[in-house]
Amino acid sequence: MITSSMAKAVAREPKLWPTAFRAYRSFVPTRWWTRRPFLPIPDRDWMQFRLVTAYGGDGSPPASSGEELITWLRWLEKN
């Protein structure tokens, strides 16, 4: 689940675009083309689980999630 604040935050950081793409690709299930809707998107239940474990409650990201995403992408880039 990508919020508009996340998309805007990444759009403002072109140097992080390759890292963001690699991170997104890691969330896409293998052999995604064999399952409906035949698009490279993460499984909804799995993403919900990840959001709940990250943010608690119902998994709704906070308004500052764009900043958190940039911090995480910078960490990924270094490691």
N, C-alpha and C. Protein backbone atom coordinates (compact mmCIF):
# COMPACT_ATOMS: atom_id res chain seq x y z
N MET A 1 0.84 -1.17 0.00
CA MET A 1 0.00 0.00 0.00
C MET A 1 0.89 1.23 0.00
N ILE A 2 0.93 1.91 -1.12
CA ILE A 2 1.76 3.10 -1.26
C ILE A 2 0.86 4.32 -1.15
N THR A 3 1.17 5.17 -0.18
CA THR A 3 0.38 6.39 -0.01
C THR A 3 0.94 7.50 -0.89
N SER A 4 0.17 8.54 -1.07
CA SER A 4 0.63 9.66 -1.90
C SER A 4 1.84 10.34 -1.26
N SER A 5 1.89 10.39 0.06
CA SER A 5 3.06 11.01 0.71
C SER A 5 4.32 10.19 0.47
N MET A 6 4.17 8.86 0.40
CA MET A 6 5.32 8.01 0.09
C MET A 6 5.79 8.24 -1.35
N ALA A 7 4.85 8.25 -2.28
CA ALA A 7 5.20 8.45 -3.69
C ALA A 7 5.86 9.81 -3.90
N LYS A 8 5.34 10.85 -3.27
CA LYS A 8 5.92 12.19 -3.40
C LYS A 8 7.32 12.24 -2.80
N ALA A 9 7.49 11.58 -1.66
CA ALA A 9 8.81 11.58 -1.01
C ALA A 9 9.85 10.91 -1.90
N VAL A 10 9.51 9.80 -2.50
CA VAL A 10 10.45 9.10 -3.38
C VAL A 10 10.68 9.90 -4.66
N ALA A 11 9.64 10.52 -5.19
CA ALA A 11 9.77 11.32 -6.41
C ALA A 11 10.76 12.46 -6.23
N ARG A 12 10.86 12.99 -5.02
CA ARG A 12 11.79 14.09 -4.74
C ARG A 12 13.23 13.62 -4.53
N GLU A 13 13.45 12.32 -4.54
CA GLU A 13 14.79 11.76 -4.28
C GLU A 13 15.22 10.86 -5.44
N PRO A 14 15.54 11.42 -6.62
CA PRO A 14 15.87 10.58 -7.78
C PRO A 14 17.04 9.62 -7.54
N LYS A 15 17.97 9.98 -6.66
CA LYS A 15 19.09 9.08 -6.38
C LYS A 15 18.63 7.79 -5.71
N LEU A 16 17.46 7.83 -5.08
CA LEU A 16 16.95 6.64 -4.40
C LEU A 16 16.04 5.80 -5.29
N TRP A 17 15.75 6.24 -6.51
CA TRP A 17 14.84 5.50 -7.39
C TRP A 17 15.29 4.06 -7.64
N PRO A 18 16.59 3.81 -7.94
CA PRO A 18 17.00 2.40 -8.14
C PRO A 18 16.80 1.56 -6.87
N THR A 19 17.10 2.14 -5.72
CA THR A 19 16.92 1.42 -4.46
C THR A 19 15.44 1.15 -4.21
N ALA A 20 14.60 2.13 -4.49
CA ALA A 20 13.15 1.96 -4.32
C ALA A 20 12.63 0.86 -5.25
N PHE A 21 13.13 0.83 -6.47
CA PHE A 21 12.70 -0.20 -7.41
C PHE A 21 13.11 -1.59 -6.92
N ARG A 22 14.35 -1.72 -6.46
CA ARG A 22 14.82 -3.02 -5.94
C ARG A 22 14.00 -3.44 -4.71
N ALA A 23 13.69 -2.48 -3.85
CA ALA A 23 12.89 -2.79 -2.66
C ALA A 23 11.50 -3.25 -3.07
N TYR A 24 10.88 -2.54 -4.00
CA TYR A 24 9.54 -2.94 -4.47
C TYR A 24 9.58 -4.33 -5.08
N ARG A 25 10.60 -4.58 -5.90
CA ARG A 25 10.73 -5.88 -6.55
C ARG A 25 10.85 -7.00 -5.52
N SER A 26 11.46 -6.73 -4.38
CA SER A 26 11.61 -7.77 -3.36
C SER A 26 10.28 -8.13 -2.72
N PHE A 27 9.29 -7.24 -2.80
CA PHE A 27 7.96 -7.51 -2.24
C PHE A 27 7.05 -8.27 -3.22
N VAL A 28 7.43 -8.30 -4.49
CA VAL A 28 6.60 -8.94 -5.52
C VAL A 28 6.79 -10.45 -5.43
N PRO A 29 5.69 -11.22 -5.41
CA PRO A 29 5.82 -12.68 -5.33
C PRO A 29 6.50 -13.27 -6.56
N THR A 30 7.23 -14.35 -6.35
CA THR A 30 7.84 -15.03 -7.49
C THR A 30 6.74 -15.60 -8.38
N ARG A 31 7.03 -15.67 -9.64
CA ARG A 31 6.09 -16.18 -10.65
C ARG A 31 4.75 -15.47 -10.59
N TRP A 32 4.79 -14.15 -10.39
CA TRP A 32 3.57 -13.35 -10.28
C TRP A 32 2.71 -13.46 -11.53
N TRP A 33 3.30 -13.73 -12.66
CA TRP A 33 2.56 -13.80 -13.93
C TRP A 33 1.66 -15.02 -14.04
N THR A 34 1.77 -15.95 -13.08
CA THR A 34 0.93 -17.15 -13.12
C THR A 34 -0.35 -17.00 -12.29
N ARG A 35 -0.48 -15.89 -11.57
CA ARG A 35 -1.64 -15.67 -10.70
C ARG A 35 -2.36 -14.38 -11.06
N ARG A 36 -3.67 -14.42 -10.91
CA ARG A 36 -4.44 -13.19 -11.13
C ARG A 36 -4.07 -12.17 -10.07
N PRO A 37 -4.01 -10.97 -10.39
CA PRO A 37 -4.42 -10.25 -11.59
C PRO A 37 -3.31 -10.14 -12.64
N PHE A 38 -2.31 -11.01 -12.59
CA PHE A 38 -1.22 -11.05 -13.57
C PHE A 38 -0.44 -9.73 -13.62
N LEU A 39 -0.25 -9.14 -12.45
CA LEU A 39 0.51 -7.91 -12.31
C LEU A 39 1.55 -8.09 -11.21
N PRO A 40 2.68 -7.41 -11.33
CA PRO A 40 3.73 -7.53 -10.30
C PRO A 40 3.42 -6.70 -9.06
N ILE A 41 2.39 -7.11 -8.33
CA ILE A 41 2.01 -6.41 -7.11
C ILE A 41 2.09 -7.38 -5.93
N PRO A 42 2.47 -6.87 -4.76
CA PRO A 42 2.55 -7.74 -3.58
C PRO A 42 1.18 -8.31 -3.20
N ASP A 43 1.20 -9.46 -2.57
CA ASP A 43 -0.03 -10.08 -2.08
C ASP A 43 -0.65 -9.18 -1.01
N ARG A 44 -1.93 -8.94 -1.12
CA ARG A 44 -2.63 -8.01 -0.21
C ARG A 44 -2.54 -8.46 1.25
N ASP A 45 -2.77 -9.75 1.52
CA ASP A 45 -2.71 -10.24 2.91
C ASP A 45 -1.31 -10.11 3.49
N TRP A 46 -0.31 -10.40 2.67
CA TRP A 46 1.07 -10.29 3.13
C TRP A 46 1.42 -8.83 3.43
N MET A 47 1.00 -7.91 2.56
CA MET A 47 1.26 -6.49 2.80
C MET A 47 0.54 -6.00 4.05
N GLN A 48 -0.68 -6.47 4.25
CA GLN A 48 -1.42 -6.08 5.46
C GLN A 48 -0.67 -6.56 6.71
N PHE A 49 -0.16 -7.79 6.68
CA PHE A 49 0.62 -8.32 7.79
C PHE A 49 1.85 -7.44 8.04
N ARG A 50 2.56 -7.07 6.96
CA ARG A 50 3.75 -6.25 7.10
C ARG A 50 3.42 -4.87 7.69
N LEU A 51 2.31 -4.29 7.26
CA LEU A 51 1.92 -2.98 7.77
C LEU A 51 1.50 -3.04 9.23
N VAL A 52 0.79 -4.09 9.61
CA VAL A 52 0.38 -4.24 11.02
C VAL A 52 1.61 -4.44 11.90
N THR A 53 2.57 -5.25 11.45
CA THR A 53 3.76 -5.46 12.27
C THR A 53 4.63 -4.21 12.33
N ALA A 54 4.58 -3.37 11.31
CA ALA A 54 5.38 -2.14 11.30
C ALA A 54 4.72 -1.02 12.10
N TYR A 55 3.41 -0.86 11.93
CA TYR A 55 2.72 0.30 12.51
C TYR A 55 1.75 -0.05 13.63
N GLY A 56 1.41 -1.32 13.80
CA GLY A 56 0.46 -1.72 14.83
C GLY A 56 -0.97 -1.39 14.43
N GLY A 57 -1.90 -1.67 15.32
CA GLY A 57 -3.31 -1.37 15.07
C GLY A 57 -3.83 -2.02 13.82
N ASP A 58 -4.45 -1.22 12.95
CA ASP A 58 -4.99 -1.76 11.71
C ASP A 58 -3.97 -1.69 10.57
N GLY A 59 -2.77 -1.21 10.85
CA GLY A 59 -1.72 -1.15 9.83
C GLY A 59 -1.71 0.12 9.01
N SER A 60 -2.52 1.09 9.39
CA SER A 60 -2.54 2.36 8.65
C SER A 60 -1.24 3.11 8.90
N PRO A 61 -0.53 3.47 7.82
CA PRO A 61 0.71 4.21 8.01
C PRO A 61 0.43 5.63 8.51
N PRO A 62 1.31 6.17 9.34
CA PRO A 62 1.12 7.54 9.83
C PRO A 62 1.38 8.55 8.71
N ALA A 63 1.02 9.79 8.95
CA ALA A 63 1.22 10.84 7.95
C ALA A 63 2.69 11.02 7.59
N SER A 64 3.57 10.68 8.51
CA SER A 64 5.01 10.84 8.28
C SER A 64 5.62 9.65 7.55
N SER A 65 4.80 8.77 6.98
CA SER A 65 5.33 7.55 6.37
C SER A 65 6.26 7.84 5.20
N GLY A 66 6.10 8.98 4.53
CA GLY A 66 7.01 9.34 3.44
C GLY A 66 8.43 9.52 3.96
N GLU A 67 8.55 10.21 5.08
CA GLU A 67 9.86 10.41 5.70
C GLU A 67 10.46 9.09 6.16
N GLU A 68 9.62 8.22 6.72
CA GLU A 68 10.09 6.91 7.16
C GLU A 68 10.58 6.09 5.98
N LEU A 69 9.87 6.16 4.87
CA LEU A 69 10.26 5.41 3.68
C LEU A 69 11.61 5.88 3.17
N ILE A 70 11.84 7.18 3.13
CA ILE A 70 13.13 7.71 2.67
C ILE A 70 14.25 7.25 3.60
N THR A 71 14.01 7.30 4.90
CA THR A 71 15.01 6.84 5.86
C THR A 71 15.32 5.37 5.63
N TRP A 72 14.30 4.55 5.42
CA TRP A 72 14.49 3.11 5.18
C TRP A 72 15.24 2.87 3.87
N LEU A 73 14.89 3.61 2.82
CA LEU A 73 15.58 3.44 1.53
C LEU A 73 17.05 3.83 1.63
N ARG A 74 17.34 4.88 2.38
CA ARG A 74 18.75 5.27 2.58
C ARG A 74 19.50 4.19 3.35
N TRP A 75 18.83 3.58 4.31
CA TRP A 75 19.44 2.49 5.06
C TRP A 75 19.70 1.30 4.13
N LEU A 76 18.73 0.98 3.29
CA LEU A 76 18.91 -0.12 2.33
C LEU A 76 20.07 0.14 1.39
N GLU A 77 20.18 1.37 0.95
CA GLU A 77 21.23 1.74 0.00
C GLU A 77 22.62 1.51 0.60
N LYS A 78 22.75 1.77 1.89
CA LYS A 78 24.05 1.61 2.56
C LYS A 78 24.37 0.16 2.90
N ASN A 79 23.35 -0.66 3.07
CA ASN A 79 23.58 -2.04 3.53
C ASN A 79 23.48 -3.02 2.43
